[in-house]
Amino acid sequence: MKLIDVVKNIDNYDDEMTIYAARPWSATSEAVVEYETSDGKPPETANKLELGYFLEVFLVKEFIEGWNENNSVHIDHESVCKRVIEYAINDA
C-alpha cells in the first residue's frame, strides 16, 4: 500500500493504530497501518518491509480535520498527503 492510500482511507483505521512508511516520505512511499507492539517497537510487517514510524492515525485524522475546517474548497488527496508529510516532518 502507498502512503497516499492510507491518507485517502484514514477514517477506516482505528485511532490506536500507527502508520509506518518508507523514507524518504512521499505520496508513493510504501506504508502499512498496524498496532504498535506491547514493547513499543514496530510490528513485524513494518520491520520486514523496512518501514519506520510515520505518525499515529489519530494525529493524521486530527490534522486533516483541522485543515479541512480552514479550507472552503475541496482539496485533492495528493495535496492532503503532501501536507500530512510536511506536518510529520516539521510539527509532529
N, C-alpha and C. Protein backbone atom coordinates (compact mmCIF):
# COMPACT_ATOMS: atom_id res chain seq x y z
N MET A 1 0.86 -1.17 0.00
CA MET A 1 0.00 0.00 0.00
C MET A 1 0.90 1.23 0.00
N LYS A 2 0.42 2.30 -0.61
CA LYS A 2 1.15 3.57 -0.67
C LYS A 2 0.63 4.52 0.41
N LEU A 3 1.46 5.46 0.81
CA LEU A 3 1.08 6.42 1.85
C LEU A 3 -0.16 7.21 1.44
N ILE A 4 -0.27 7.58 0.18
CA ILE A 4 -1.46 8.32 -0.25
C ILE A 4 -2.73 7.48 -0.05
N ASP A 5 -2.64 6.15 -0.21
CA ASP A 5 -3.80 5.29 0.01
C ASP A 5 -4.21 5.29 1.48
N VAL A 6 -3.22 5.32 2.36
CA VAL A 6 -3.50 5.39 3.79
C VAL A 6 -4.23 6.70 4.10
N VAL A 7 -3.71 7.81 3.57
CA VAL A 7 -4.31 9.12 3.83
C VAL A 7 -5.74 9.17 3.28
N LYS A 8 -5.94 8.65 2.07
CA LYS A 8 -7.27 8.64 1.46
C LYS A 8 -8.28 7.90 2.32
N ASN A 9 -7.82 6.83 2.95
CA ASN A 9 -8.71 5.93 3.71
C ASN A 9 -8.52 6.02 5.21
N ILE A 10 -8.00 7.14 5.69
CA ILE A 10 -7.64 7.26 7.11
C ILE A 10 -8.81 7.00 8.05
N ASP A 11 -10.02 7.33 7.63
CA ASP A 11 -11.18 7.12 8.51
C ASP A 11 -11.51 5.65 8.71
N ASN A 12 -10.92 4.78 7.91
CA ASN A 12 -11.16 3.34 8.05
C ASN A 12 -10.27 2.69 9.10
N TYR A 13 -9.34 3.45 9.67
CA TYR A 13 -8.39 2.90 10.63
C TYR A 13 -8.73 3.33 12.05
N ASP A 14 -8.44 2.44 12.98
CA ASP A 14 -8.62 2.70 14.40
C ASP A 14 -7.64 3.78 14.85
N ASP A 15 -8.10 4.69 15.69
CA ASP A 15 -7.25 5.77 16.20
C ASP A 15 -6.02 5.26 16.94
N GLU A 16 -6.06 4.05 17.45
CA GLU A 16 -4.94 3.49 18.21
C GLU A 16 -3.83 2.94 17.33
N MET A 17 -4.06 2.90 16.02
CA MET A 17 -3.07 2.33 15.10
C MET A 17 -2.01 3.37 14.76
N THR A 18 -0.90 2.88 14.21
CA THR A 18 0.22 3.72 13.82
C THR A 18 0.56 3.46 12.36
N ILE A 19 0.97 4.51 11.68
CA ILE A 19 1.38 4.40 10.28
C ILE A 19 2.90 4.27 10.25
N TYR A 20 3.36 3.31 9.47
CA TYR A 20 4.79 3.11 9.23
C TYR A 20 5.01 3.29 7.73
N ALA A 21 6.06 4.03 7.35
CA ALA A 21 6.28 4.32 5.94
C ALA A 21 7.77 4.34 5.61
N ALA A 22 8.06 4.11 4.33
CA ALA A 22 9.45 4.13 3.84
C ALA A 22 9.90 5.57 3.62
N ARG A 23 11.13 5.82 3.98
CA ARG A 23 11.75 7.12 3.72
C ARG A 23 12.48 7.07 2.39
N PRO A 24 12.65 8.19 1.73
CA PRO A 24 12.09 9.49 2.07
C PRO A 24 10.58 9.49 1.84
N TRP A 25 9.87 10.14 2.74
CA TRP A 25 8.41 10.13 2.68
C TRP A 25 7.90 10.87 1.44
N SER A 26 6.98 10.22 0.76
CA SER A 26 6.29 10.82 -0.37
C SER A 26 4.94 10.15 -0.49
N ALA A 27 4.10 10.64 -1.36
CA ALA A 27 2.78 10.04 -1.56
C ALA A 27 2.89 8.59 -2.00
N THR A 28 3.98 8.25 -2.68
CA THR A 28 4.15 6.89 -3.19
C THR A 28 5.00 6.00 -2.29
N SER A 29 5.37 6.48 -1.12
CA SER A 29 6.12 5.65 -0.17
C SER A 29 5.31 4.43 0.22
N GLU A 30 5.97 3.30 0.32
CA GLU A 30 5.31 2.09 0.82
C GLU A 30 4.92 2.34 2.27
N ALA A 31 3.72 1.88 2.65
CA ALA A 31 3.24 2.14 4.01
C ALA A 31 2.36 1.00 4.50
N VAL A 32 2.32 0.84 5.82
CA VAL A 32 1.39 -0.08 6.47
C VAL A 32 0.81 0.62 7.68
N VAL A 33 -0.36 0.17 8.09
CA VAL A 33 -1.01 0.69 9.28
C VAL A 33 -1.22 -0.49 10.21
N GLU A 34 -0.60 -0.42 11.38
CA GLU A 34 -0.61 -1.54 12.31
C GLU A 34 -0.71 -1.01 13.74
N TYR A 35 -1.02 -1.91 14.65
CA TYR A 35 -0.94 -1.57 16.07
C TYR A 35 0.51 -1.73 16.51
N GLU A 36 0.97 -0.82 17.37
CA GLU A 36 2.30 -0.97 17.95
C GLU A 36 2.35 -2.23 18.78
N THR A 37 3.51 -2.79 18.90
CA THR A 37 3.68 -3.96 19.76
C THR A 37 3.67 -3.49 21.22
N SER A 38 3.50 -4.42 22.12
CA SER A 38 3.44 -4.07 23.55
C SER A 38 4.73 -3.46 24.06
N ASP A 39 5.85 -3.75 23.39
CA ASP A 39 7.12 -3.16 23.83
C ASP A 39 7.45 -1.85 23.09
N GLY A 40 6.48 -1.37 22.28
CA GLY A 40 6.65 -0.10 21.60
C GLY A 40 7.46 -0.16 20.32
N LYS A 41 7.88 -1.34 19.93
CA LYS A 41 8.66 -1.49 18.71
C LYS A 41 7.72 -1.63 17.51
N PRO A 42 8.24 -1.32 16.32
CA PRO A 42 7.40 -1.50 15.12
C PRO A 42 6.97 -2.96 14.98
N PRO A 43 5.78 -3.19 14.43
CA PRO A 43 5.31 -4.55 14.23
C PRO A 43 6.14 -5.29 13.18
N GLU A 44 5.99 -6.59 13.15
CA GLU A 44 6.77 -7.44 12.27
C GLU A 44 6.63 -7.04 10.80
N THR A 45 5.42 -6.72 10.38
CA THR A 45 5.19 -6.33 8.98
C THR A 45 6.02 -5.12 8.61
N ALA A 46 6.03 -4.12 9.46
CA ALA A 46 6.81 -2.91 9.20
C ALA A 46 8.30 -3.23 9.16
N ASN A 47 8.76 -4.08 10.07
CA ASN A 47 10.17 -4.47 10.08
C ASN A 47 10.57 -5.20 8.81
N LYS A 48 9.74 -6.14 8.38
CA LYS A 48 10.04 -6.91 7.17
C LYS A 48 10.17 -6.01 5.95
N LEU A 49 9.33 -4.99 5.88
CA LEU A 49 9.34 -4.07 4.74
C LEU A 49 10.31 -2.90 4.94
N GLU A 50 11.00 -2.89 6.09
CA GLU A 50 11.95 -1.84 6.46
C GLU A 50 11.29 -0.45 6.48
N LEU A 51 10.11 -0.42 7.10
CA LEU A 51 9.36 0.82 7.24
C LEU A 51 9.54 1.37 8.65
N GLY A 52 9.65 2.67 8.76
CA GLY A 52 9.80 3.30 10.05
C GLY A 52 8.55 4.05 10.46
N TYR A 53 8.55 4.48 11.70
CA TYR A 53 7.42 5.25 12.24
C TYR A 53 7.15 6.47 11.36
N PHE A 54 5.86 6.73 11.09
CA PHE A 54 5.45 7.95 10.38
C PHE A 54 4.62 8.80 11.33
N LEU A 55 3.40 8.40 11.63
CA LEU A 55 2.52 9.11 12.56
C LEU A 55 1.46 8.15 13.08
N GLU A 56 0.86 8.53 14.21
CA GLU A 56 -0.29 7.78 14.69
C GLU A 56 -1.51 8.19 13.88
N VAL A 57 -2.43 7.26 13.69
CA VAL A 57 -3.63 7.51 12.90
C VAL A 57 -4.42 8.69 13.48
N PHE A 58 -4.57 8.75 14.81
CA PHE A 58 -5.38 9.82 15.38
C PHE A 58 -4.80 11.20 15.07
N LEU A 59 -3.48 11.31 14.97
CA LEU A 59 -2.86 12.59 14.64
C LEU A 59 -3.18 13.01 13.20
N VAL A 60 -3.14 12.04 12.30
CA VAL A 60 -3.45 12.34 10.90
C VAL A 60 -4.91 12.76 10.77
N LYS A 61 -5.80 12.05 11.47
CA LYS A 61 -7.22 12.41 11.42
C LYS A 61 -7.43 13.83 11.94
N GLU A 62 -6.83 14.16 13.07
CA GLU A 62 -6.97 15.49 13.65
C GLU A 62 -6.41 16.56 12.73
N PHE A 63 -5.24 16.29 12.13
CA PHE A 63 -4.63 17.25 11.23
C PHE A 63 -5.52 17.52 10.03
N ILE A 64 -6.01 16.45 9.39
CA ILE A 64 -6.86 16.61 8.21
C ILE A 64 -8.15 17.32 8.55
N GLU A 65 -8.75 16.97 9.68
CA GLU A 65 -9.99 17.62 10.11
C GLU A 65 -9.77 19.12 10.29
N GLY A 66 -8.71 19.48 10.97
CA GLY A 66 -8.41 20.90 11.20
C GLY A 66 -8.10 21.63 9.91
N TRP A 67 -7.38 20.98 9.03
CA TRP A 67 -7.02 21.60 7.76
C TRP A 67 -8.27 21.80 6.89
N ASN A 68 -9.15 20.80 6.87
CA ASN A 68 -10.39 20.91 6.10
C ASN A 68 -11.29 22.03 6.63
N GLU A 69 -11.31 22.22 7.95
CA GLU A 69 -12.12 23.29 8.54
C GLU A 69 -11.66 24.67 8.08
N ASN A 70 -10.38 24.79 7.76
CA ASN A 70 -9.81 26.07 7.36
C ASN A 70 -9.80 26.28 5.85
N ASN A 71 -10.31 25.31 5.09
CA ASN A 71 -10.36 25.41 3.63
C ASN A 71 -11.80 25.27 3.17
N SER A 72 -12.25 26.22 2.38
CA SER A 72 -13.63 26.18 1.94
C SER A 72 -13.82 25.42 0.63
N VAL A 73 -12.73 25.02 -0.01
CA VAL A 73 -12.82 24.27 -1.26
C VAL A 73 -12.33 22.84 -1.04
N HIS A 74 -12.76 21.93 -1.90
CA HIS A 74 -12.32 20.53 -1.81
C HIS A 74 -10.83 20.45 -2.16
N ILE A 75 -10.07 19.77 -1.34
CA ILE A 75 -8.64 19.60 -1.57
C ILE A 75 -8.40 18.17 -2.04
N ASP A 76 -7.60 18.01 -3.10
CA ASP A 76 -7.34 16.68 -3.64
C ASP A 76 -6.45 15.87 -2.69
N HIS A 77 -6.51 14.56 -2.82
CA HIS A 77 -5.79 13.65 -1.93
C HIS A 77 -4.28 13.85 -2.00
N GLU A 78 -3.76 14.15 -3.16
CA GLU A 78 -2.32 14.37 -3.32
C GLU A 78 -1.87 15.56 -2.46
N SER A 79 -2.63 16.65 -2.49
CA SER A 79 -2.30 17.83 -1.68
C SER A 79 -2.41 17.55 -0.20
N VAL A 80 -3.44 16.81 0.19
CA VAL A 80 -3.61 16.45 1.59
C VAL A 80 -2.43 15.60 2.06
N CYS A 81 -2.06 14.62 1.25
CA CYS A 81 -0.93 13.75 1.61
C CYS A 81 0.35 14.56 1.76
N LYS A 82 0.59 15.48 0.84
CA LYS A 82 1.78 16.33 0.91
C LYS A 82 1.80 17.14 2.21
N ARG A 83 0.66 17.71 2.60
CA ARG A 83 0.59 18.49 3.84
C ARG A 83 0.78 17.61 5.07
N VAL A 84 0.26 16.39 5.03
CA VAL A 84 0.44 15.47 6.15
C VAL A 84 1.93 15.14 6.29
N ILE A 85 2.61 14.93 5.18
CA ILE A 85 4.06 14.66 5.23
C ILE A 85 4.80 15.86 5.80
N GLU A 86 4.46 17.06 5.35
CA GLU A 86 5.08 18.27 5.89
C GLU A 86 4.85 18.38 7.39
N TYR A 87 3.63 18.04 7.81
CA TYR A 87 3.33 18.06 9.24
C TYR A 87 4.20 17.05 9.99
N ALA A 88 4.33 15.84 9.44
CA ALA A 88 5.15 14.81 10.09
C ALA A 88 6.61 15.25 10.21
N ILE A 89 7.10 15.94 9.20
CA ILE A 89 8.50 16.38 9.20
C ILE A 89 8.72 17.56 10.14
N ASN A 90 7.83 18.52 10.10
CA ASN A 90 8.08 19.80 10.78
C ASN A 90 7.39 20.01 12.11
N ASP A 91 6.26 19.34 12.35
CA ASP A 91 5.48 19.68 13.52
C ASP A 91 5.17 18.55 14.48
N ALA A 92 5.29 17.33 14.03
CA ALA A 92 4.88 16.21 14.88
C ALA A 92 5.97 15.84 15.87
